[in-house]
C-alpha atoms as a PDB file:
ATOM      1  CA  MET A   1       0.000   0.000   0.000  1.00  0.00           C
ATOM      2  CA  ARG A   2       2.844   2.397   0.886  1.00  0.00           C
ATOM      3  CA  ARG A   3       4.517   1.837  -2.460  1.00  0.00           C
ATOM      4  CA  ARG A   4       1.356   2.479  -4.443  1.00  0.00           C
ATOM      5  CA  ALA A   5       0.691   5.619  -2.402  1.00  0.00           C
ATOM      6  CA  ALA A   6       4.257   6.821  -3.038  1.00  0.00           C
ATOM      7  CA  THR A   7       3.855   6.423  -6.793  1.00  0.00           C
ATOM      8  CA  VAL A   8       0.542   8.311  -6.763  1.00  0.00           C
ATOM      9  CA  VAL A   9       1.905  11.109  -4.566  1.00  0.00           C
ATOM     10  CA  GLY A  10       5.145  11.287  -6.544  1.00  0.00           C
ATOM     11  CA  ARG A  11       3.353  11.438  -9.884  1.00  0.00           C
ATOM     12  CA  GLY A  12       1.328  14.287  -8.432  1.00  0.00           C
ATOM     13  CA  GLY A  13       4.538  16.205  -7.700  1.00  0.00           C
ATOM     14  CA  GLY A  14       4.759  15.360  -4.011  1.00  0.00           C
ATOM     15  CA  ALA A  15       8.357  15.343  -2.842  1.00  0.00           C
ATOM     16  CA  GLY A  16       7.246  13.625   0.348  1.00  0.00           C
ATOM     17  CA  ALA A  17       7.238  10.389  -1.638  1.00  0.00           C
ATOM     18  CA  VAL A  18      10.997  10.534  -2.260  1.00  0.00           C
ATOM     19  CA  PRO A  19      12.082   8.269   0.637  1.00  0.00           C
ATOM     20  CA  GLU A  20       9.695   5.468  -0.342  1.00  0.00           C
ATOM     21  CA  LEU A  21      10.518   5.818  -4.052  1.00  0.00           C
ATOM     22  CA  VAL A  22      14.236   5.598  -3.260  1.00  0.00           C
ATOM     23  CA  ALA A  23      13.578   2.521  -1.130  1.00  0.00           C
ATOM     24  CA  MET A  24      11.751   0.984  -4.089  1.00  0.00           C
ATOM     25  CA  VAL A  25      14.718   1.613  -6.405  1.00  0.00           C
ATOM     26  CA  ARG A  26      17.156   0.153  -3.921  1.00  0.00           C
ATOM     27  CA  ALA A  27      14.956  -2.889  -3.239  1.00  0.00           C
ATOM     28  CA  GLY A  28      14.230  -3.531  -6.905  1.00  0.00           C
ATOM     29  CA  VAL A  29      10.466  -3.290  -6.411  1.00  0.00           C
ATOM     30  CA  ASP A  30       8.859  -1.380  -9.276  1.00  0.00           C
ATOM     31  CA  ASP A  31      12.242   0.310  -9.483  1.00  0.00           C
ATOM     32  CA  VAL A  32      11.880   1.535 -13.075  1.00  0.00           C
ATOM     33  CA  GLU A  33       8.611   3.297 -12.281  1.00  0.00           C
ATOM     34  CA  ALA A  34      10.053   4.720  -9.073  1.00  0.00           C
ATOM     35  CA  ALA A  35      13.159   5.971 -10.910  1.00  0.00           C
ATOM     36  CA  GLU A  36      11.016   7.659 -13.566  1.00  0.00           C
ATOM     37  CA  ILE A  37       9.013   9.454 -10.893  1.00  0.00           C
ATOM     38  CA  LEU A  38      12.183  10.505  -9.069  1.00  0.00           C
ATOM     39  CA  ALA A  39      13.555  11.898 -12.330  1.00  0.00           C
ATOM     40  CA  ALA A  40      10.367  13.870 -12.966  1.00  0.00           C
ATOM     41  CA  LEU A  41      10.437  15.290  -9.443  1.00  0.00           C
ATOM     42  CA  SER A  42      14.117  16.195  -9.877  1.00  0.00           C
ATOM     43  CA  HIS A  43      13.532  18.006 -13.142  1.00  0.00           C
ATOM     44  CA  ASP A  44      10.703  20.011 -11.568  1.00  0.00           C
ATOM     45  CA  ASP A  45      12.656  21.342  -8.577  1.00  0.00           C
ATOM     46  CA  PRO A  46      16.417  21.732  -7.959  1.00  0.00           C
ATOM     47  CA  VAL A  47      15.981  21.327  -4.196  1.00  0.00           C
ATOM     48  CA  THR A  48      14.155  18.053  -4.682  1.00  0.00           C
ATOM     49  CA  SER A  49      16.854  17.011  -7.149  1.00  0.00           C
ATOM     50  CA  GLY A  50      19.485  17.370  -4.425  1.00  0.00           C
ATOM     51  CA  ILE A  51      17.350  15.452  -1.960  1.00  0.00           C
ATOM     52  CA  VAL A  52      16.851  12.627  -4.477  1.00  0.00           C
ATOM     53  CA  LEU A  53      20.568  12.464  -5.286  1.00  0.00           C
ATOM     54  CA  ASP A  54      21.525  12.378  -1.605  1.00  0.00           C
ATOM     55  CA  ALA A  55      18.948   9.710  -0.807  1.00  0.00           C
ATOM     56  CA  LEU A  56      19.910   7.481  -3.740  1.00  0.00           C
ATOM     57  CA  THR A  57      23.632   7.643  -3.027  1.00  0.00           C
ATOM     58  CA  ARG A  58      23.636   7.486   0.764  1.00  0.00           C
ATOM     59  CA  ASP A  59      25.744   4.522   1.929  1.00  0.00           C
ATOM     60  CA  LEU A  60      25.987   3.286  -1.656  1.00  0.00           C
ATOM     61  CA  ALA A  61      29.396   1.678  -1.136  1.00  0.00           C
ATOM     62  CA  GLY A  62      27.904  -0.676   1.434  1.00  0.00           C
ATOM     63  CA  THR A  63      25.276  -2.070  -0.925  1.00  0.00           C
ATOM     64  CA  ASP A  64      25.360  -5.134  -3.144  1.00  0.00           C
ATOM     65  CA  PRO A  65      26.193  -4.863  -6.865  1.00  0.00           C
ATOM     66  CA  ALA A  66      22.575  -5.266  -7.980  1.00  0.00           C
ATOM     67  CA  THR A  67      21.544  -2.295  -5.845  1.00  0.00           C
ATOM     68  CA  ARG A  68      24.409  -0.187  -7.191  1.00  0.00           C
ATOM     69  CA  ILE A  69      23.286  -1.011 -10.743  1.00  0.00           C
ATOM     70  CA  ARG A  70      19.694  -0.028  -9.992  1.00  0.00           C
ATOM     71  CA  VAL A  71      20.884   3.231  -8.448  1.00  0.00           C
ATOM     72  CA  ALA A  72      23.070   3.893 -11.511  1.00  0.00           C
ATOM     73  CA  GLN A  73      20.033   3.345 -13.721  1.00  0.00           C
ATOM     74  CA  ALA A  74      18.087   5.870 -11.660  1.00  0.00           C
ATOM     75  CA  LEU A  75      20.963   8.377 -11.665  1.00  0.00           C
ATOM     76  CA  VAL A  76      21.238   8.458 -15.426  1.00  0.00           C
ATOM     77  CA  GLU A  77      17.853  10.201 -15.633  1.00  0.00           C
ATOM     78  CA  LEU A  78      18.596  12.901 -13.041  1.00  0.00           C
ATOM     79  CA  PRO A  79      19.618  16.425 -14.050  1.00  0.00           C
ATOM     80  CA  GLY A  80      22.858  18.169 -13.178  1.00  0.00           C
ATOM     81  CA  SER A  81      26.468  17.255 -12.687  1.00  0.00           C
ATOM     82  CA  GLY A  82      26.024  15.486  -9.339  1.00  0.00           C
ATOM     83  CA  PRO A  83      24.600  12.273 -10.787  1.00  0.00           C
ATOM     84  CA  GLU A  84      27.335  12.181 -13.415  1.00  0.00           C
ATOM     85  CA  LYS A  85      30.022  12.426 -10.704  1.00  0.00           C
ATOM     86  CA  VAL A  86      28.508   9.450  -8.902  1.00  0.00           C
ATOM     87  CA  LEU A  87      28.243   7.488 -12.156  1.00  0.00           C
ATOM     88  CA  ARG A  88      31.932   8.191 -12.841  1.00  0.00           C
ATOM     89  CA  ARG A  89      32.806   6.804  -9.410  1.00  0.00           C
ATOM     90  CA  LEU A  90      30.651   3.756 -10.073  1.00  0.00           C
ATOM     91  CA  ALA A  91      32.465   3.293 -13.408  1.00  0.00           C
ATOM     92  CA  ASP A  92      35.506   2.473 -11.246  1.00  0.00           C
ATOM     93  CA  ASP A  93      33.550   0.082  -9.016  1.00  0.00           C
ATOM     94  CA  ALA A  94      35.321  -3.078  -7.864  1.00  0.00           C
ATOM     95  CA  ASP A  95      32.488  -5.142  -9.328  1.00  0.00           C
ATOM     96  CA  ARG A  96      33.085  -5.420 -13.059  1.00  0.00           C
ATOM     97  CA  THR A  97      29.391  -5.489 -13.985  1.00  0.00           C
ATOM     98  CA  VAL A  98      28.653  -2.337 -11.967  1.00  0.00           C
ATOM     99  CA  ALA A  99      31.656  -0.622 -13.548  1.00  0.00           C
ATOM    100  CA  LEU A 100      30.613  -1.574 -17.083  1.00  0.00           C
ATOM    101  CA  VAL A 101      26.998  -0.472 -16.606  1.00  0.00           C
ATOM    102  CA  ALA A 102      27.966   2.812 -14.965  1.00  0.00           C
ATOM    103  CA  GLY A 103      30.583   3.461 -17.648  1.00  0.00           C
ATOM    104  CA  ALA A 104      27.971   2.985 -20.344  1.00  0.00           C
ATOM    105  CA  PHE A 105      25.682   5.432 -18.543  1.00  0.00           C
ATOM    106  CA  VAL A 106      28.484   8.014 -18.300  1.00  0.00           C
ATOM    107  CA  ARG A 107      28.993   7.759 -22.057  1.00  0.00           C
ATOM    108  CA  ARG A 108      25.247   8.102 -22.588  1.00  0.00           C
ATOM    109  CA  ARG A 109      25.101  11.309 -20.548  1.00  0.00           C
ATOM    110  CA  THR A 110      28.050  12.956 -22.337  1.00  0.00           C
END
């Protein structure tokens, strides 16, 4: 129920949905939809964009490779230079798959 509410609130422009949408991306539950909503919220408001970036990347190094890939996929849609900096760091990730995916996303953004 929380997830569905977060998607409805987020699609309506409600930044209060950001924590649940980020949790969805990280957990891999409707992560593509959640990432799209986060991107839309980020494009609408620079303050929200910073909040989304911080929430997505918090403690990222301590997550598993699949989570880092999902976060990279979400970052590629966000505006500004901050997401690109994180993607560049992920392109040097110790996990080869994460590094390859993030590297491809860096090339896509440039």
